[in-house]
Amino acid sequence: MKTKKSQKNGTPPKKRMPKWKRHLDEYRPEELVKITFTREADIDAGTALIWGGKLTGAPFRLDPNGPSFIVPKATTPFFAAEGIQFTLHPAFRTAAR
């Protein structure tokens, strides 16, 4: 029978980063959002978070029409935790019927 390893010095276990799917194509459209930044500093901070920070490995797509990324919805708390100002939009427009 295996026993659980106890944490050193009573510290809580470290939170694991979510396991990201490799490509945005693997997500359903409702699992994606377009995150738009309001200031240049926020764009820079968001880019640093994705390319070399806590979200390294998360799939994203730059929006060529503005200061935006398309990312999985699960990444938005990480942007907020860093104090980055942004607004959320649907990743894709729905077709008019």
PDB file of N, CA and C in Angstrom:
ATOM      1  N   MET A   1       0.835  -1.178   0.000  1.00  0.00           N
ATOM      2  CA  MET A   1       0.000   0.000   0.000  1.00  0.00           C
ATOM      3  C   MET A   1       0.880   1.241   0.000  1.00  0.00           C
ATOM      4  N   LYS A   2       0.589   2.164  -0.907  1.00  0.00           N
ATOM      5  CA  LYS A   2       1.370   3.384  -1.002  1.00  0.00           C
ATOM      6  C   LYS A   2       0.871   4.402   0.010  1.00  0.00           C
ATOM      7  N   THR A   3       1.787   5.138   0.554  1.00  0.00           N
ATOM      8  CA  THR A   3       1.405   6.205   1.477  1.00  0.00           C
ATOM      9  C   THR A   3       1.606   7.543   0.792  1.00  0.00           C
ATOM     10  N   LYS A   4       0.818   8.505   1.182  1.00  0.00           N
ATOM     11  CA  LYS A   4       0.964   9.852   0.634  1.00  0.00           C
ATOM     12  C   LYS A   4       2.198  10.498   1.217  1.00  0.00           C
ATOM     13  N   LYS A   5       2.918  11.203   0.377  1.00  0.00           N
ATOM     14  CA  LYS A   5       4.079  11.925   0.873  1.00  0.00           C
ATOM     15  C   LYS A   5       3.595  13.153   1.637  1.00  0.00           C
ATOM     16  N   SER A   6       4.169  13.365   2.772  1.00  0.00           N
ATOM     17  CA  SER A   6       3.798  14.556   3.530  1.00  0.00           C
ATOM     18  C   SER A   6       4.594  15.744   3.013  1.00  0.00           C
ATOM     19  N   GLN A   7       4.006  16.911   3.091  1.00  0.00           N
ATOM     20  CA  GLN A   7       4.659  18.134   2.646  1.00  0.00           C
ATOM     21  C   GLN A   7       5.720  18.550   3.655  1.00  0.00           C
ATOM     22  N   LYS A   8       6.792  19.095   3.156  1.00  0.00           N
ATOM     23  CA  LYS A   8       7.862  19.554   4.030  1.00  0.00           C
ATOM     24  C   LYS A   8       7.390  20.748   4.839  1.00  0.00           C
ATOM     25  N   ASN A   9       7.695  20.744   6.103  1.00  0.00           N
ATOM     26  CA  ASN A   9       7.400  21.849   7.007  1.00  0.00           C
ATOM     27  C   ASN A   9       5.931  22.255   7.019  1.00  0.00           C
ATOM     28  N   GLY A  10       5.049  21.360   6.654  1.00  0.00           N
ATOM     29  CA  GLY A  10       3.619  21.649   6.695  1.00  0.00           C
ATOM     30  C   GLY A  10       3.145  22.628   5.635  1.00  0.00           C
ATOM     31  N   THR A  11       3.957  22.888   4.598  1.00  0.00           N
ATOM     32  CA  THR A  11       3.552  23.815   3.550  1.00  0.00           C
ATOM     33  C   THR A  11       2.528  23.147   2.646  1.00  0.00           C
ATOM     34  N   PRO A  12       1.598  23.934   2.124  1.00  0.00           N
ATOM     35  CA  PRO A  12       0.606  23.344   1.220  1.00  0.00           C
ATOM     36  C   PRO A  12       1.273  22.910  -0.085  1.00  0.00           C
ATOM     37  N   PRO A  13       0.695  21.938  -0.774  1.00  0.00           N
ATOM     38  CA  PRO A  13       1.277  21.499  -2.042  1.00  0.00           C
ATOM     39  C   PRO A  13       1.235  22.630  -3.070  1.00  0.00           C
ATOM     40  N   LYS A  14       2.217  22.640  -3.968  1.00  0.00           N
ATOM     41  CA  LYS A  14       2.269  23.660  -5.012  1.00  0.00           C
ATOM     42  C   LYS A  14       1.129  23.444  -5.995  1.00  0.00           C
ATOM     43  N   LYS A  15       0.566  24.567  -6.474  1.00  0.00           N
ATOM     44  CA  LYS A  15      -0.476  24.464  -7.489  1.00  0.00           C
ATOM     45  C   LYS A  15       0.178  24.121  -8.811  1.00  0.00           C
ATOM     46  N   ARG A  16      -0.412  23.183  -9.502  1.00  0.00           N
ATOM     47  CA  ARG A  16       0.100  22.823 -10.820  1.00  0.00           C
ATOM     48  C   ARG A  16      -0.530  23.710 -11.873  1.00  0.00           C
ATOM     49  N   MET A  17       0.252  23.996 -12.893  1.00  0.00           N
ATOM     50  CA  MET A  17      -0.266  24.757 -14.013  1.00  0.00           C
ATOM     51  C   MET A  17      -1.210  23.857 -14.801  1.00  0.00           C
ATOM     52  N   PRO A  18      -2.240  24.441 -15.396  1.00  0.00           N
ATOM     53  CA  PRO A  18      -3.135  23.628 -16.222  1.00  0.00           C
ATOM     54  C   PRO A  18      -2.360  23.003 -17.382  1.00  0.00           C
ATOM     55  N   LYS A  19      -2.801  21.880 -17.813  1.00  0.00           N
ATOM     56  CA  LYS A  19      -2.187  21.228 -18.970  1.00  0.00           C
ATOM     57  C   LYS A  19      -2.889  21.770 -20.208  1.00  0.00           C
ATOM     58  N   TRP A  20      -2.150  22.504 -21.008  1.00  0.00           N
ATOM     59  CA  TRP A  20      -2.733  23.136 -22.191  1.00  0.00           C
ATOM     60  C   TRP A  20      -2.733  22.167 -23.353  1.00  0.00           C
ATOM     61  N   LYS A  21      -3.747  22.291 -24.187  1.00  0.00           N
ATOM     62  CA  LYS A  21      -3.739  21.560 -25.447  1.00  0.00           C
ATOM     63  C   LYS A  21      -2.713  22.249 -26.342  1.00  0.00           C
ATOM     64  N   ARG A  22      -2.185  21.527 -27.303  1.00  0.00           N
ATOM     65  CA  ARG A  22      -1.066  22.048 -28.095  1.00  0.00           C
ATOM     66  C   ARG A  22      -1.471  23.162 -29.065  1.00  0.00           C
ATOM     67  N   HIS A  23      -2.682  23.089 -29.617  1.00  0.00           N
ATOM     68  CA  HIS A  23      -3.100  24.037 -30.646  1.00  0.00           C
ATOM     69  C   HIS A  23      -4.495  24.574 -30.336  1.00  0.00           C
ATOM     70  N   LEU A  24      -4.754  25.788 -30.779  1.00  0.00           N
ATOM     71  CA  LEU A  24      -6.087  26.361 -30.583  1.00  0.00           C
ATOM     72  C   LEU A  24      -7.153  25.553 -31.305  1.00  0.00           C
ATOM     73  N   ASP A  25      -6.772  24.893 -32.383  1.00  0.00           N
ATOM     74  CA  ASP A  25      -7.733  24.087 -33.146  1.00  0.00           C
ATOM     75  C   ASP A  25      -8.312  22.936 -32.322  1.00  0.00           C
ATOM     76  N   GLU A  26      -7.648  22.571 -31.235  1.00  0.00           N
ATOM     77  CA  GLU A  26      -8.116  21.477 -30.397  1.00  0.00           C
ATOM     78  C   GLU A  26      -9.177  21.923 -29.387  1.00  0.00           C
ATOM     79  N   TYR A  27      -9.425  23.216 -29.304  1.00  0.00           N
ATOM     80  CA  TYR A  27     -10.431  23.767 -28.388  1.00  0.00           C
ATOM     81  C   TYR A  27     -11.738  24.001 -29.132  1.00  0.00           C
ATOM     82  N   ARG A  28     -12.843  23.867 -28.419  1.00  0.00           N
ATOM     83  CA  ARG A  28     -14.140  24.237 -28.985  1.00  0.00           C
ATOM     84  C   ARG A  28     -14.210  25.767 -29.041  1.00  0.00           C
ATOM     85  N   PRO A  29     -14.963  26.339 -29.974  1.00  0.00           N
ATOM     86  CA  PRO A  29     -15.036  27.801 -30.076  1.00  0.00           C
ATOM     87  C   PRO A  29     -15.458  28.486 -28.778  1.00  0.00           C
ATOM     88  N   GLU A  30     -16.348  27.868 -28.004  1.00  0.00           N
ATOM     89  CA  GLU A  30     -16.799  28.493 -26.760  1.00  0.00           C
ATOM     90  C   GLU A  30     -15.741  28.435 -25.658  1.00  0.00           C
ATOM     91  N   GLU A  31     -14.673  27.679 -25.868  1.00  0.00           N
ATOM     92  CA  GLU A  31     -13.577  27.611 -24.900  1.00  0.00           C
ATOM     93  C   GLU A  31     -12.498  28.663 -25.162  1.00  0.00           C
ATOM     94  N   LEU A  32     -12.680  29.458 -26.215  1.00  0.00           N
ATOM     95  CA  LEU A  32     -11.699  30.471 -26.592  1.00  0.00           C
ATOM     96  C   LEU A  32     -12.268  31.869 -26.415  1.00  0.00           C
ATOM     97  N   VAL A  33     -11.403  32.826 -26.125  1.00  0.00           N
ATOM     98  CA  VAL A  33     -11.804  34.224 -26.026  1.00  0.00           C
ATOM     99  C   VAL A  33     -10.762  35.091 -26.729  1.00  0.00           C
ATOM    100  N   LYS A  34     -11.219  36.262 -27.117  1.00  0.00           N
ATOM    101  CA  LYS A  34     -10.306  37.271 -27.654  1.00  0.00           C
ATOM    102  C   LYS A  34     -10.061  38.269 -26.528  1.00  0.00           C
ATOM    103  N   ILE A  35      -8.827  38.399 -26.125  1.00  0.00           N
ATOM    104  CA  ILE A  35      -8.461  39.294 -25.035  1.00  0.00           C
ATOM    105  C   ILE A  35      -7.820  40.526 -25.666  1.00  0.00           C
ATOM    106  N   THR A  36      -8.424  41.693 -25.425  1.00  0.00           N
ATOM    107  CA  THR A  36      -7.961  42.941 -26.014  1.00  0.00           C
ATOM    108  C   THR A  36      -7.383  43.830 -24.924  1.00  0.00           C
ATOM    109  N   PHE A  37      -6.207  44.347 -25.176  1.00  0.00           N
ATOM    110  CA  PHE A  37      -5.500  45.178 -24.201  1.00  0.00           C
ATOM    111  C   PHE A  37      -5.760  46.645 -24.477  1.00  0.00           C
ATOM    112  N   THR A  38      -5.784  47.440 -23.402  1.00  0.00           N
ATOM    113  CA  THR A  38      -6.113  48.853 -23.558  1.00  0.00           C
ATOM    114  C   THR A  38      -4.885  49.744 -23.662  1.00  0.00           C
ATOM    115  N   ARG A  39      -3.784  49.342 -23.054  1.00  0.00           N
ATOM    116  CA  ARG A  39      -2.575  50.181 -23.061  1.00  0.00           C
ATOM    117  C   ARG A  39      -1.392  49.397 -23.609  1.00  0.00           C
ATOM    118  N   GLU A  40      -0.410  50.129 -24.084  1.00  0.00           N
ATOM    119  CA  GLU A  40       0.811  49.520 -24.609  1.00  0.00           C
ATOM    120  C   GLU A  40       1.514  48.680 -23.534  1.00  0.00           C
ATOM    121  N   ALA A  41       1.519  49.179 -22.303  1.00  0.00           N
ATOM    122  CA  ALA A  41       2.165  48.450 -21.201  1.00  0.00           C
ATOM    123  C   ALA A  41       1.460  47.114 -20.940  1.00  0.00           C
ATOM    124  N   ASP A  42       0.139  47.092 -21.102  1.00  0.00           N
ATOM    125  CA  ASP A  42      -0.612  45.852 -20.908  1.00  0.00           C
ATOM    126  C   ASP A  42      -0.326  44.847 -22.029  1.00  0.00           C
ATOM    127  N   ILE A  43      -0.171  45.350 -23.249  1.00  0.00           N
ATOM    128  CA  ILE A  43       0.186  44.477 -24.371  1.00  0.00           C
ATOM    129  C   ILE A  43       1.541  43.834 -24.097  1.00  0.00           C
ATOM    130  N   ASP A  44       2.495  44.656 -23.661  1.00  0.00           N
ATOM    131  CA  ASP A  44       3.840  44.153 -23.376  1.00  0.00           C
ATOM    132  C   ASP A  44       3.811  43.117 -22.252  1.00  0.00           C
ATOM    133  N   ALA A  45       3.054  43.390 -21.199  1.00  0.00           N
ATOM    134  CA  ALA A  45       2.971  42.465 -20.067  1.00  0.00           C
ATOM    135  C   ALA A  45       2.278  41.162 -20.483  1.00  0.00           C
ATOM    136  N   GLY A  46       1.231  41.265 -21.297  1.00  0.00           N
ATOM    137  CA  GLY A  46       0.531  40.072 -21.781  1.00  0.00           C
ATOM    138  C   GLY A  46       1.415  39.217 -22.674  1.00  0.00           C
ATOM    139  N   THR A  47       2.182  39.883 -23.534  1.00  0.00           N
ATOM    140  CA  THR A  47       3.105  39.167 -24.407  1.00  0.00           C
ATOM    141  C   THR A  47       4.178  38.453 -23.583  1.00  0.00           C
ATOM    142  N   ALA A  48       4.714  39.134 -22.590  1.00  0.00           N
ATOM    143  CA  ALA A  48       5.734  38.524 -21.732  1.00  0.00           C
ATOM    144  C   ALA A  48       5.168  37.336 -20.959  1.00  0.00           C
ATOM    145  N   LEU A  49       3.926  37.441 -20.543  1.00  0.00           N
ATOM    146  CA  LEU A  49       3.285  36.348 -19.801  1.00  0.00           C
ATOM    147  C   LEU A  49       3.131  35.103 -20.667  1.00  0.00           C
ATOM    148  N   ILE A  50       2.792  35.295 -21.933  1.00  0.00           N
ATOM    149  CA  ILE A  50       2.596  34.160 -22.833  1.00  0.00           C
ATOM    150  C   ILE A  50       3.924  33.610 -23.350  1.00  0.00           C
ATOM    151  N   TRP A  51       4.853  34.484 -23.713  1.00  0.00           N
ATOM    152  CA  TRP A  51       6.082  34.019 -24.355  1.00  0.00           C
ATOM    153  C   TRP A  51       7.165  33.587 -23.382  1.00  0.00           C
ATOM    154  N   GLY A  52       7.103  34.005 -22.144  1.00  0.00           N
ATOM    155  CA  GLY A  52       8.173  33.616 -21.246  1.00  0.00           C
ATOM    156  C   GLY A  52       7.770  33.545 -19.793  1.00  0.00           C
ATOM    157  N   GLY A  53       6.488  33.741 -19.521  1.00  0.00           N
ATOM    158  CA  GLY A  53       6.021  33.755 -18.142  1.00  0.00           C
ATOM    159  C   GLY A  53       5.246  32.500 -17.784  1.00  0.00           C
ATOM    160  N   LYS A  54       4.289  32.676 -16.909  1.00  0.00           N
ATOM    161  CA  LYS A  54       3.508  31.547 -16.394  1.00  0.00           C
ATOM    162  C   LYS A  54       2.690  30.835 -17.467  1.00  0.00           C
ATOM    163  N   LEU A  55       2.390  31.520 -18.556  1.00  0.00           N
ATOM    164  CA  LEU A  55       1.556  30.908 -19.596  1.00  0.00           C
ATOM    165  C   LEU A  55       2.368  30.333 -20.755  1.00  0.00           C
ATOM    166  N   THR A  56       3.667  30.180 -20.568  1.00  0.00           N
ATOM    167  CA  THR A  56       4.486  29.569 -21.613  1.00  0.00           C
ATOM    168  C   THR A  56       3.930  28.181 -21.906  1.00  0.00           C
ATOM    169  N   GLY A  57       3.701  27.912 -23.162  1.00  0.00           N
ATOM    170  CA  GLY A  57       3.135  26.624 -23.557  1.00  0.00           C
ATOM    171  C   GLY A  57       1.657  26.696 -23.862  1.00  0.00           C
ATOM    172  N   ALA A  58       0.994  27.752 -23.397  1.00  0.00           N
ATOM    173  CA  ALA A  58      -0.432  27.909 -23.719  1.00  0.00           C
ATOM    174  C   ALA A  58      -0.551  28.356 -25.177  1.00  0.00           C
ATOM    175  N   PRO A  59      -1.480  27.785 -25.919  1.00  0.00           N
ATOM    176  CA  PRO A  59      -1.627  28.202 -27.316  1.00  0.00           C
ATOM    177  C   PRO A  59      -2.257  29.588 -27.396  1.00  0.00           C
ATOM    178  N   PHE A  60      -1.876  30.340 -28.399  1.00  0.00           N
ATOM    179  CA  PHE A  60      -2.452  31.662 -28.611  1.00  0.00           C
ATOM    180  C   PHE A  60      -2.311  32.021 -30.082  1.00  0.00           C
ATOM    181  N   ARG A  61      -3.073  32.999 -30.492  1.00  0.00           N
ATOM    182  CA  ARG A  61      -2.982  33.521 -31.851  1.00  0.00           C
ATOM    183  C   ARG A  61      -3.085  35.034 -31.757  1.00  0.00           C
ATOM    184  N   LEU A  62      -2.157  35.726 -32.384  1.00  0.00           N
ATOM    185  CA  LEU A  62      -2.221  37.183 -32.423  1.00  0.00           C
ATOM    186  C   LEU A  62      -3.312  37.612 -33.375  1.00  0.00           C
ATOM    187  N   ASP A  63      -4.035  38.658 -33.004  1.00  0.00           N
ATOM    188  CA  ASP A  63      -5.060  39.214 -33.875  1.00  0.00           C
ATOM    189  C   ASP A  63      -4.403  40.304 -34.718  1.00  0.00           C
ATOM    190  N   PRO A  64      -4.357  40.155 -36.042  1.00  0.00           N
ATOM    191  CA  PRO A  64      -3.692  41.157 -36.881  1.00  0.00           C
ATOM    192  C   PRO A  64      -4.439  42.484 -36.944  1.00  0.00           C
ATOM    193  N   ASN A  65      -5.693  42.513 -36.461  1.00  0.00           N
ATOM    194  CA  ASN A  65      -6.502  43.727 -36.559  1.00  0.00           C
ATOM    195  C   ASN A  65      -6.424  44.627 -35.334  1.00  0.00           C
ATOM    196  N   GLY A  66      -5.642  44.269 -34.341  1.00  0.00           N
ATOM    197  CA  GLY A  66      -5.586  45.109 -33.158  1.00  0.00           C
ATOM    198  C   GLY A  66      -4.743  44.506 -32.055  1.00  0.00           C
ATOM    199  N   PRO A  67      -4.740  45.158 -30.909  1.00  0.00           N
ATOM    200  CA  PRO A  67      -3.912  44.703 -29.779  1.00  0.00           C
ATOM    201  C   PRO A  67      -4.577  43.554 -29.017  1.00  0.00           C
ATOM    202  N   SER A  68      -4.724  42.414 -29.671  1.00  0.00           N
ATOM    203  CA  SER A  68      -5.489  41.306 -29.097  1.00  0.00           C
ATOM    204  C   SER A  68      -4.811  39.972 -29.340  1.00  0.00           C
ATOM    205  N   PHE A  69      -5.135  39.011 -28.469  1.00  0.00           N
ATOM    206  CA  PHE A  69      -4.755  37.615 -28.622  1.00  0.00           C
ATOM    207  C   PHE A  69      -6.031  36.792 -28.572  1.00  0.00           C
ATOM    208  N   ILE A  70      -6.026  35.663 -29.236  1.00  0.00           N
ATOM    209  CA  ILE A  70      -7.061  34.654 -29.027  1.00  0.00           C
ATOM    210  C   ILE A  70      -6.410  33.575 -28.181  1.00  0.00           C
ATOM    211  N   VAL A  71      -7.020  33.300 -27.036  1.00  0.00           N
ATOM    212  CA  VAL A  71      -6.446  32.374 -26.055  1.00  0.00           C
ATOM    213  C   VAL A  71      -7.551  31.499 -25.457  1.00  0.00           C
ATOM    214  N   PRO A  72      -7.195  30.393 -24.813  1.00  0.00           N
ATOM    215  CA  PRO A  72      -8.195  29.619 -24.071  1.00  0.00           C
ATOM    216  C   PRO A  72      -8.741  30.454 -22.905  1.00  0.00           C
ATOM    217  N   LYS A  73     -10.031  30.306 -22.604  1.00  0.00           N
ATOM    218  CA  LYS A  73     -10.647  31.042 -21.497  1.00  0.00           C
ATOM    219  C   LYS A  73      -9.918  30.819 -20.179  1.00  0.00           C
ATOM    220  N   ALA A  74      -9.368  29.645 -19.992  1.00  0.00           N
ATOM    221  CA  ALA A  74      -8.702  29.304 -18.731  1.00  0.00           C
ATOM    222  C   ALA A  74      -7.466  30.157 -18.466  1.00  0.00           C
ATOM    223  N   THR A  75      -6.969  30.880 -19.463  1.00  0.00           N
ATOM    224  CA  THR A  75      -5.782  31.727 -19.249  1.00  0.00           C
ATOM    225  C   THR A  75      -6.129  33.081 -18.651  1.00  0.00           C
ATOM    226  N   THR A  76      -7.371  33.503 -18.732  1.00  0.00           N
ATOM    227  CA  THR A  76      -7.716  34.867 -18.307  1.00  0.00           C
ATOM    228  C   THR A  76      -7.434  35.157 -16.835  1.00  0.00           C
ATOM    229  N   PRO A  77      -7.601  34.214 -15.906  1.00  0.00           N
ATOM    230  CA  PRO A  77      -7.239  34.532 -14.515  1.00  0.00           C
ATOM    231  C   PRO A  77      -5.755  34.863 -14.337  1.00  0.00           C
ATOM    232  N   PHE A  78      -4.907  34.299 -15.179  1.00  0.00           N
ATOM    233  CA  PHE A  78      -3.482  34.573 -15.082  1.00  0.00           C
ATOM    234  C   PHE A  78      -3.170  36.012 -15.500  1.00  0.00           C
ATOM    235  N   PHE A  79      -3.864  36.506 -16.537  1.00  0.00           N
ATOM    236  CA  PHE A  79      -3.690  37.903 -16.943  1.00  0.00           C
ATOM    237  C   PHE A  79      -4.175  38.834 -15.830  1.00  0.00           C
ATOM    238  N   ALA A  80      -5.321  38.514 -15.260  1.00  0.00           N
ATOM    239  CA  ALA A  80      -5.885  39.347 -14.187  1.00  0.00           C
ATOM    240  C   ALA A  80      -4.983  39.348 -12.956  1.00  0.00           C
ATOM    241  N   ALA A  81      -4.408  38.206 -12.621  1.00  0.00           N
ATOM    242  CA  ALA A  81      -3.547  38.105 -11.437  1.00  0.00           C
ATOM    243  C   ALA A  81      -2.288  38.954 -11.578  1.00  0.00           C
ATOM    244  N   GLU A  82      -1.873  39.202 -12.804  1.00  0.00           N
ATOM    245  CA  GLU A  82      -0.685  40.039 -13.048  1.00  0.00           C
ATOM    246  C   GLU A  82      -1.033  41.519 -13.100  1.00  0.00           C
ATOM    247  N   GLY A  83      -2.313  41.845 -12.941  1.00  0.00           N
ATOM    248  CA  GLY A  83      -2.732  43.244 -12.961  1.00  0.00           C
ATOM    249  C   GLY A  83      -2.850  43.832 -14.356  1.00  0.00           C
ATOM    250  N   ILE A  84      -2.922  42.985 -15.351  1.00  0.00           N
ATOM    251  CA  ILE A  84      -3.024  43.436 -16.741  1.00  0.00           C
ATOM    252  C   ILE A  84      -4.468  43.834 -17.022  1.00  0.00           C
ATOM    253  N   GLN A  85      -4.654  45.003 -17.615  1.00  0.00           N
ATOM    254  CA  GLN A  85      -5.996  45.497 -17.946  1.00  0.00           C
ATOM    255  C   GLN A  85      -6.379  44.982 -19.333  1.00  0.00           C
ATOM    256  N   PHE A  86      -7.563  44.396 -19.431  1.00  0.00           N
ATOM    257  CA  PHE A  86      -8.015  43.838 -20.706  1.00  0.00           C
ATOM    258  C   PHE A  86      -9.523  43.746 -20.725  1.00  0.00           C
ATOM    259  N   THR A  87     -10.051  43.540 -21.905  1.00  0.00           N
ATOM    260  CA  THR A  87     -11.474  43.252 -22.079  1.00  0.00           C
ATOM    261  C   THR A  87     -11.586  41.942 -22.849  1.00  0.00           C
ATOM    262  N   LEU A  88     -12.667  41.220 -22.592  1.00  0.00           N
ATOM    263  CA  LEU A  88     -12.894  39.939 -23.253  1.00  0.00           C
ATOM    264  C   LEU A  88     -13.976  40.085 -24.314  1.00  0.00           C
ATOM    265  N   HIS A  89     -13.776  39.391 -25.417  1.00  0.00           N
ATOM    266  CA  HIS A  89     -14.734  39.363 -26.525  1.00  0.00           C
ATOM    267  C   HIS A  89     -14.834  37.926 -27.009  1.00  0.00           C
ATOM    268  N   PRO A  90     -15.916  37.573 -27.688  1.00  0.00           N
ATOM    269  CA  PRO A  90     -15.966  36.235 -28.294  1.00  0.00           C
ATOM    270  C   PRO A  90     -14.813  36.093 -29.286  1.00  0.00           C
ATOM    271  N   ALA A  91     -14.238  34.930 -29.354  1.00  0.00           N
ATOM    272  CA  ALA A  91     -13.099  34.709 -30.253  1.00  0.00           C
ATOM    273  C   ALA A  91     -13.508  34.762 -31.716  1.00  0.00           C
ATOM    274  N   PHE A  92     -14.735  34.337 -31.998  1.00  0.00           N
ATOM    275  CA  PHE A  92     -15.201  34.284 -33.378  1.00  0.00           C
ATOM    276  C   PHE A  92     -16.594  34.883 -33.462  1.00  0.00           C
ATOM    277  N   ARG A  93     -16.860  35.517 -34.562  1.00  0.00           N
ATOM    278  CA  ARG A  93     -18.210  36.049 -34.783  1.00  0.00           C
ATOM    279  C   ARG A  93     -19.129  34.910 -35.149  1.00  0.00           C
ATOM    280  N   THR A  94     -20.366  35.034 -34.710  1.00  0.00           N
ATOM    281  CA  THR A  94     -21.355  34.012 -35.086  1.00  0.00           C
ATOM    282  C   THR A  94     -22.023  34.454 -36.392  1.00  0.00           C
ATOM    283  N   ALA A  95     -22.356  33.495 -37.205  1.00  0.00           N
ATOM    284  CA  ALA A  95     -22.986  33.806 -38.496  1.00  0.00           C
ATOM    285  C   ALA A  95     -24.409  34.290 -38.284  1.00  0.00           C
ATOM    286  N   ALA A  96     -24.777  35.328 -39.009  1.00  0.00           N
ATOM    287  CA  ALA A  96     -26.150  35.834 -38.955  1.00  0.00           C
ATOM    288  C   ALA A  96     -27.052  34.878 -39.719  1.00  0.00           C
ATOM    289  N   ARG A  97     -28.220  34.647 -39.159  1.00  0.00           N
ATOM    290  CA  ARG A  97     -29.149  33.719 -39.837  1.00  0.00           C
ATOM    291  C   ARG A  97     -30.223  34.445 -40.554  1.00  0.00           C
TER     292      ARG A  97
END
